N, C-alpha and C. Protein backbone atom coordinates (compact mmCIF):
# COMPACT_ATOMS: atom_id res chain seq x y z
N MET A 1 0.82 -1.20 0.00
CA MET A 1 0.00 0.00 0.00
C MET A 1 0.86 1.26 0.00
N SER A 2 1.95 1.24 0.74
CA SER A 2 2.80 2.43 0.78
C SER A 2 3.48 2.67 -0.56
N ASP A 3 3.73 1.59 -1.32
CA ASP A 3 4.32 1.75 -2.65
C ASP A 3 3.35 2.48 -3.57
N ASN A 4 2.08 2.11 -3.50
CA ASN A 4 1.07 2.78 -4.33
C ASN A 4 0.94 4.25 -3.93
N TYR A 5 0.97 4.47 -2.65
CA TYR A 5 0.85 5.83 -2.15
C TYR A 5 2.03 6.68 -2.61
N SER A 6 3.24 6.15 -2.51
CA SER A 6 4.42 6.91 -2.94
C SER A 6 4.42 7.12 -4.44
N GLU A 7 3.91 6.15 -5.20
CA GLU A 7 3.81 6.31 -6.65
C GLU A 7 2.83 7.42 -7.00
N VAL A 8 1.73 7.46 -6.29
CA VAL A 8 0.72 8.51 -6.54
C VAL A 8 1.30 9.88 -6.23
N ILE A 9 2.03 9.98 -5.14
CA ILE A 9 2.65 11.25 -4.77
C ILE A 9 3.68 11.66 -5.81
N GLU A 10 4.50 10.72 -6.28
CA GLU A 10 5.50 11.03 -7.30
C GLU A 10 4.84 11.49 -8.59
N GLN A 11 3.77 10.80 -8.98
CA GLN A 11 3.05 11.19 -10.19
C GLN A 11 2.43 12.58 -10.05
N SER A 12 1.90 12.85 -8.85
CA SER A 12 1.30 14.16 -8.60
C SER A 12 2.36 15.26 -8.67
N GLU A 13 3.51 15.03 -8.07
CA GLU A 13 4.59 16.01 -8.11
C GLU A 13 5.08 16.22 -9.55
N LYS A 14 5.21 15.12 -10.30
CA LYS A 14 5.64 15.21 -11.69
C LYS A 14 4.62 15.99 -12.51
N HIS A 15 3.35 15.73 -12.24
CA HIS A 15 2.28 16.45 -12.96
C HIS A 15 2.35 17.95 -12.67
N LYS A 16 2.58 18.31 -11.40
CA LYS A 16 2.70 19.73 -11.04
C LYS A 16 3.88 20.37 -11.76
N LYS A 17 5.01 19.69 -11.78
CA LYS A 17 6.20 20.24 -12.46
C LYS A 17 5.95 20.38 -13.94
N ASP A 18 5.31 19.37 -14.53
CA ASP A 18 5.00 19.44 -15.97
C ASP A 18 4.04 20.58 -16.26
N LEU A 19 3.08 20.77 -15.37
CA LEU A 19 2.10 21.84 -15.56
C LEU A 19 2.79 23.20 -15.53
N ILE A 20 3.70 23.39 -14.58
CA ILE A 20 4.42 24.66 -14.48
C ILE A 20 5.33 24.85 -15.69
N LYS A 21 6.01 23.77 -16.11
CA LYS A 21 6.91 23.89 -17.27
C LYS A 21 6.13 24.14 -18.55
N SER A 22 4.95 23.55 -18.64
CA SER A 22 4.18 23.72 -19.87
C SER A 22 3.45 25.06 -19.92
N HIS A 23 3.26 25.69 -18.78
CA HIS A 23 2.56 26.97 -18.72
C HIS A 23 3.36 28.00 -17.91
N PRO A 24 4.54 28.39 -18.39
CA PRO A 24 5.34 29.35 -17.61
C PRO A 24 4.68 30.72 -17.52
N ILE A 25 3.82 31.03 -18.48
CA ILE A 25 3.15 32.33 -18.45
C ILE A 25 2.23 32.44 -17.24
N VAL A 26 1.67 31.30 -16.81
CA VAL A 26 0.79 31.30 -15.64
C VAL A 26 1.56 31.72 -14.40
N MET A 27 2.76 31.15 -14.23
CA MET A 27 3.58 31.53 -13.07
C MET A 27 4.00 33.00 -13.16
N TRP A 28 4.33 33.45 -14.36
CA TRP A 28 4.72 34.83 -14.55
C TRP A 28 3.58 35.77 -14.16
N VAL A 29 2.37 35.44 -14.59
CA VAL A 29 1.20 36.27 -14.27
C VAL A 29 0.92 36.24 -12.77
N ILE A 30 1.06 35.08 -12.14
CA ILE A 30 0.82 34.99 -10.69
C ILE A 30 1.81 35.87 -9.94
N VAL A 31 3.08 35.79 -10.29
CA VAL A 31 4.10 36.61 -9.62
C VAL A 31 3.82 38.10 -9.85
N LEU A 32 3.46 38.46 -11.07
CA LEU A 32 3.16 39.85 -11.38
C LEU A 32 1.94 40.34 -10.59
N LEU A 33 0.92 39.51 -10.47
CA LEU A 33 -0.27 39.89 -9.70
C LEU A 33 0.06 40.09 -8.22
N VAL A 34 0.90 39.23 -7.67
CA VAL A 34 1.29 39.39 -6.27
C VAL A 34 2.02 40.72 -6.08
N TYR A 35 2.93 41.03 -7.00
CA TYR A 35 3.64 42.31 -6.92
C TYR A 35 2.67 43.49 -7.03
N ILE A 36 1.72 43.39 -7.93
CA ILE A 36 0.77 44.49 -8.11
C ILE A 36 -0.10 44.66 -6.88
N ILE A 37 -0.54 43.56 -6.29
CA ILE A 37 -1.36 43.64 -5.07
C ILE A 37 -0.56 44.29 -3.94
N LEU A 38 0.70 43.89 -3.79
CA LEU A 38 1.55 44.51 -2.77
C LEU A 38 1.74 46.00 -3.04
N LEU A 39 1.97 46.35 -4.30
CA LEU A 39 2.19 47.75 -4.66
C LEU A 39 0.95 48.59 -4.37
N VAL A 40 -0.21 48.09 -4.72
CA VAL A 40 -1.45 48.84 -4.48
C VAL A 40 -1.71 48.97 -2.98
N GLY A 41 -1.52 47.89 -2.23
CA GLY A 41 -1.74 47.95 -0.79
C GLY A 41 -0.82 48.92 -0.08
N ILE A 42 0.46 48.84 -0.39
CA ILE A 42 1.42 49.73 0.25
C ILE A 42 1.24 51.16 -0.25
N GLY A 43 0.90 51.32 -1.52
CA GLY A 43 0.62 52.66 -2.05
C GLY A 43 -0.56 53.30 -1.35
N TYR A 44 -1.58 52.50 -1.06
CA TYR A 44 -2.75 53.02 -0.34
C TYR A 44 -2.34 53.49 1.05
N ILE A 45 -1.56 52.67 1.73
CA ILE A 45 -1.11 53.04 3.07
C ILE A 45 -0.22 54.28 3.04
N ALA A 46 0.64 54.34 2.04
CA ALA A 46 1.64 55.42 2.00
C ALA A 46 1.07 56.75 1.56
N PHE A 47 0.12 56.75 0.63
CA PHE A 47 -0.23 58.01 -0.01
C PHE A 47 -1.68 58.46 0.16
N PHE A 48 -2.57 57.60 0.59
CA PHE A 48 -3.96 58.02 0.69
C PHE A 48 -4.29 58.49 2.09
N ASP A 49 -5.48 58.96 2.27
CA ASP A 49 -5.91 59.68 3.46
C ASP A 49 -5.96 58.78 4.70
N GLN A 50 -4.82 58.62 5.33
CA GLN A 50 -4.72 57.93 6.60
C GLN A 50 -4.50 58.99 7.68
N ASP A 51 -4.64 58.61 8.93
CA ASP A 51 -4.44 59.58 10.01
C ASP A 51 -3.04 60.16 9.99
N PHE A 52 -2.04 59.32 9.72
CA PHE A 52 -0.67 59.83 9.74
C PHE A 52 -0.34 60.62 8.48
N ASN A 53 -1.15 60.48 7.44
CA ASN A 53 -0.94 61.27 6.23
C ASN A 53 -1.64 62.62 6.30
N ASN A 54 -2.61 62.73 7.17
CA ASN A 54 -3.38 63.97 7.27
C ASN A 54 -3.37 64.45 8.71
N PRO A 55 -2.43 65.29 9.07
CA PRO A 55 -2.31 65.73 10.46
C PRO A 55 -3.51 66.54 10.94
N GLN A 56 -4.33 67.04 10.02
CA GLN A 56 -5.50 67.81 10.44
C GLN A 56 -6.49 66.94 11.22
N HIS A 57 -6.54 65.64 10.90
CA HIS A 57 -7.41 64.75 11.66
C HIS A 57 -6.98 64.71 13.12
N THR A 58 -5.69 64.50 13.33
CA THR A 58 -5.17 64.39 14.69
C THR A 58 -5.22 65.73 15.41
N ILE A 59 -4.78 66.78 14.76
CA ILE A 59 -4.75 68.10 15.40
C ILE A 59 -6.16 68.58 15.70
N GLY A 60 -7.09 68.28 14.81
CA GLY A 60 -8.47 68.67 15.04
C GLY A 60 -9.03 68.04 16.30
N ASN A 61 -8.69 66.78 16.55
CA ASN A 61 -9.14 66.12 17.77
C ASN A 61 -8.55 66.78 19.01
N TYR A 62 -7.28 67.13 18.94
CA TYR A 62 -6.65 67.80 20.08
C TYR A 62 -7.26 69.18 20.33
N MET A 63 -7.55 69.89 19.27
CA MET A 63 -8.16 71.21 19.43
C MET A 63 -9.56 71.09 20.04
N ARG A 64 -10.29 70.05 19.64
CA ARG A 64 -11.62 69.83 20.19
C ARG A 64 -11.52 69.52 21.70
N ILE A 65 -10.54 68.70 22.07
CA ILE A 65 -10.34 68.38 23.50
C ILE A 65 -10.00 69.64 24.29
N LEU A 66 -9.12 70.45 23.73
CA LEU A 66 -8.73 71.70 24.40
C LEU A 66 -9.93 72.63 24.54
N ASP A 67 -10.73 72.73 23.51
CA ASP A 67 -11.91 73.58 23.55
C ASP A 67 -12.91 73.08 24.60
N GLU A 68 -13.10 71.78 24.67
CA GLU A 68 -14.00 71.22 25.68
C GLU A 68 -13.49 71.48 27.09
N TYR A 69 -12.18 71.39 27.25
CA TYR A 69 -11.60 71.64 28.58
C TYR A 69 -11.77 73.09 28.99
N LYS A 70 -11.66 74.01 28.02
CA LYS A 70 -11.83 75.43 28.35
C LYS A 70 -13.26 75.72 28.80
N HIS A 71 -14.23 74.96 28.29
CA HIS A 71 -15.62 75.22 28.62
C HIS A 71 -16.11 74.46 29.86
N LEU A 72 -15.21 73.72 30.51
CA LEU A 72 -15.59 73.05 31.75
C LEU A 72 -15.74 74.07 32.87
N ALA A 73 -16.51 73.70 33.83
CA ALA A 73 -16.65 74.56 35.01
C ALA A 73 -15.32 74.60 35.76
N PRO A 74 -14.97 75.72 36.38
CA PRO A 74 -13.66 75.86 37.06
C PRO A 74 -13.41 74.79 38.12
N ASP A 75 -14.46 74.32 38.80
CA ASP A 75 -14.23 73.32 39.84
C ASP A 75 -13.99 71.91 39.27
N GLU A 76 -14.29 71.70 37.98
CA GLU A 76 -14.06 70.39 37.34
C GLU A 76 -12.66 70.29 36.75
N LYS A 77 -11.95 71.37 36.63
CA LYS A 77 -10.63 71.38 36.02
C LYS A 77 -9.58 70.95 37.03
N VAL A 78 -8.75 69.98 36.64
CA VAL A 78 -7.67 69.50 37.50
C VAL A 78 -6.41 70.32 37.27
N LEU A 79 -6.18 70.70 36.01
CA LEU A 79 -5.00 71.48 35.63
C LEU A 79 -5.43 72.86 35.16
N SER A 80 -4.49 73.77 35.16
CA SER A 80 -4.80 75.08 34.59
C SER A 80 -4.83 74.93 33.07
N GLU A 81 -5.42 75.90 32.38
CA GLU A 81 -5.51 75.83 30.92
C GLU A 81 -4.13 75.83 30.28
N GLU A 82 -3.17 76.53 30.86
CA GLU A 82 -1.82 76.57 30.31
C GLU A 82 -1.14 75.20 30.44
N GLU A 83 -1.31 74.57 31.61
CA GLU A 83 -0.71 73.24 31.81
C GLU A 83 -1.34 72.21 30.87
N PHE A 84 -2.65 72.28 30.76
CA PHE A 84 -3.36 71.35 29.87
C PHE A 84 -2.95 71.57 28.42
N SER A 85 -2.83 72.84 28.02
CA SER A 85 -2.39 73.16 26.65
C SER A 85 -0.98 72.63 26.40
N ALA A 86 -0.09 72.77 27.36
CA ALA A 86 1.28 72.28 27.21
C ALA A 86 1.30 70.76 27.03
N ILE A 87 0.48 70.06 27.78
CA ILE A 87 0.40 68.60 27.66
C ILE A 87 -0.12 68.22 26.27
N LEU A 88 -1.15 68.91 25.82
CA LEU A 88 -1.71 68.61 24.49
C LEU A 88 -0.72 68.93 23.38
N ILE A 89 0.00 70.02 23.51
CA ILE A 89 0.99 70.38 22.48
C ILE A 89 2.09 69.31 22.42
N GLU A 90 2.52 68.84 23.57
CA GLU A 90 3.54 67.78 23.60
C GLU A 90 2.99 66.50 22.98
N SER A 91 1.75 66.18 23.25
CA SER A 91 1.13 64.99 22.64
C SER A 91 1.02 65.13 21.12
N MET A 92 0.66 66.33 20.67
CA MET A 92 0.57 66.57 19.22
C MET A 92 1.93 66.40 18.55
N LYS A 93 2.99 66.89 19.20
CA LYS A 93 4.33 66.75 18.64
C LYS A 93 4.72 65.28 18.51
N LYS A 94 4.43 64.50 19.55
CA LYS A 94 4.77 63.08 19.52
C LYS A 94 3.97 62.36 18.43
N ASP A 95 2.69 62.70 18.30
CA ASP A 95 1.86 62.09 17.26
C ASP A 95 2.38 62.42 15.86
N SER A 96 2.74 63.68 15.65
CA SER A 96 3.21 64.06 14.32
C SER A 96 4.55 63.42 14.00
N GLU A 97 5.43 63.28 14.99
CA GLU A 97 6.71 62.61 14.76
C GLU A 97 6.50 61.14 14.43
N GLY A 98 5.62 60.47 15.18
CA GLY A 98 5.33 59.06 14.92
C GLY A 98 4.68 58.86 13.56
N GLY A 99 3.78 59.76 13.20
CA GLY A 99 3.13 59.68 11.89
C GLY A 99 4.11 59.89 10.76
N GLY A 100 5.06 60.80 10.96
CA GLY A 100 6.07 61.05 9.93
C GLY A 100 6.95 59.83 9.70
N GLU A 101 7.31 59.15 10.79
CA GLU A 101 8.13 57.94 10.66
C GLU A 101 7.35 56.84 9.95
N LEU A 102 6.08 56.70 10.28
CA LEU A 102 5.25 55.69 9.63
C LEU A 102 5.07 56.00 8.15
N GLN A 103 4.88 57.27 7.82
CA GLN A 103 4.76 57.70 6.43
C GLN A 103 6.05 57.40 5.66
N GLU A 104 7.17 57.67 6.30
CA GLU A 104 8.46 57.43 5.66
C GLU A 104 8.68 55.94 5.41
N LEU A 105 8.31 55.12 6.38
CA LEU A 105 8.44 53.67 6.22
C LEU A 105 7.55 53.16 5.08
N ALA A 106 6.32 53.63 5.02
CA ALA A 106 5.41 53.21 3.96
C ALA A 106 5.91 53.66 2.59
N SER A 107 6.45 54.85 2.52
CA SER A 107 6.99 55.37 1.26
C SER A 107 8.19 54.55 0.80
N GLN A 108 9.09 54.21 1.72
CA GLN A 108 10.24 53.39 1.37
C GLN A 108 9.81 51.99 0.93
N SER A 109 8.81 51.43 1.59
CA SER A 109 8.31 50.11 1.21
C SER A 109 7.71 50.16 -0.19
N PHE A 110 7.01 51.23 -0.50
CA PHE A 110 6.44 51.40 -1.83
C PHE A 110 7.55 51.43 -2.88
N ASN A 111 8.61 52.17 -2.60
CA ASN A 111 9.73 52.25 -3.54
C ASN A 111 10.42 50.90 -3.72
N ILE A 112 10.53 50.13 -2.66
CA ILE A 112 11.16 48.80 -2.76
C ILE A 112 10.32 47.88 -3.63
N ILE A 113 9.00 47.86 -3.42
CA ILE A 113 8.12 47.00 -4.22
C ILE A 113 8.13 47.47 -5.67
N LEU A 114 8.11 48.76 -5.89
CA LEU A 114 8.16 49.28 -7.27
C LEU A 114 9.46 48.85 -7.95
N GLY A 115 10.57 48.93 -7.25
CA GLY A 115 11.85 48.47 -7.79
C GLY A 115 11.84 46.98 -8.09
N ALA A 116 11.20 46.20 -7.22
CA ALA A 116 11.12 44.76 -7.45
C ALA A 116 10.30 44.45 -8.70
N ILE A 117 9.21 45.17 -8.90
CA ILE A 117 8.39 44.97 -10.10
C ILE A 117 9.20 45.32 -11.34
N LEU A 118 9.90 46.43 -11.31
CA LEU A 118 10.71 46.82 -12.46
C LEU A 118 11.82 45.80 -12.74
N ALA A 119 12.44 45.28 -11.69
CA ALA A 119 13.47 44.26 -11.88
C ALA A 119 12.87 42.98 -12.46
N PHE A 120 11.70 42.60 -11.98
CA PHE A 120 11.02 41.41 -12.48
C PHE A 120 10.68 41.57 -13.96
N LEU A 121 10.13 42.71 -14.31
CA LEU A 121 9.77 42.95 -15.71
C LEU A 121 11.02 43.03 -16.59
N SER A 122 12.06 43.67 -16.09
CA SER A 122 13.31 43.78 -16.84
C SER A 122 13.91 42.39 -17.07
N GLY A 123 13.92 41.56 -16.04
CA GLY A 123 14.42 40.20 -16.18
C GLY A 123 13.60 39.39 -17.16
N SER A 124 12.28 39.59 -17.12
CA SER A 124 11.40 38.88 -18.04
C SER A 124 11.68 39.27 -19.49
N VAL A 125 11.84 40.55 -19.73
CA VAL A 125 12.12 41.02 -21.09
C VAL A 125 13.48 40.50 -21.57
N THR A 126 14.46 40.48 -20.67
CA THR A 126 15.78 39.97 -21.02
C THR A 126 15.71 38.51 -21.44
N ILE A 127 14.98 37.72 -20.68
CA ILE A 127 14.83 36.29 -21.01
C ILE A 127 14.14 36.12 -22.35
N ILE A 128 13.12 36.91 -22.60
CA ILE A 128 12.40 36.82 -23.88
C ILE A 128 13.33 37.13 -25.04
N PHE A 129 14.12 38.20 -24.93
CA PHE A 129 15.03 38.56 -26.01
C PHE A 129 16.15 37.53 -26.19
N GLN A 130 16.61 36.93 -25.08
CA GLN A 130 17.63 35.89 -25.19
C GLN A 130 17.07 34.67 -25.93
N ARG A 131 15.85 34.30 -25.61
CA ARG A 131 15.23 33.15 -26.29
C ARG A 131 15.03 33.46 -27.77
N MET A 132 14.65 34.69 -28.08
CA MET A 132 14.44 35.06 -29.48
C MET A 132 15.75 35.01 -30.25
N SER A 133 16.84 35.48 -29.62
CA SER A 133 18.13 35.47 -30.31
C SER A 133 18.67 34.05 -30.49
N LYS A 134 18.38 33.15 -29.56
CA LYS A 134 18.80 31.76 -29.67
C LYS A 134 18.05 31.06 -30.80
N LYS A 135 16.77 31.41 -30.96
CA LYS A 135 15.98 30.80 -32.04
C LYS A 135 16.47 31.26 -33.41
N LYS A 136 16.96 32.49 -33.52
CA LYS A 136 17.46 33.01 -34.79
C LYS A 136 18.80 32.37 -35.16
N SER A 137 19.58 32.00 -34.15
CA SER A 137 20.92 31.44 -34.40
C SER A 137 20.87 30.03 -34.93
């Protein structure tokens, strides 16, 4: 029974290899699609309206908190308005620094994926031209 099982596995593996060898364009398209999906996903994160890409979202929230604190009754306030403002300003600075680092990382990742796609396409074109020149010879 184990001989039959191993034969079936060998035939299955051989069939997979033959399928890939007989249809190299399928593998090429799959690799290209994966690269494109990665590029679109990272491009969305890097360049579209995220919180770290639009500081007005974050700053607007801080301004709203500060405005609400100013309108509290004096006996409900734990800190003075100046102390509270200083804390909020420090928090805004930290948020903007963190957002800038995240934006930079996403942008670099986008450039890396874009370079990988260009290298993949360049390699593909090179192989095609090499095969064409071999057929002419």
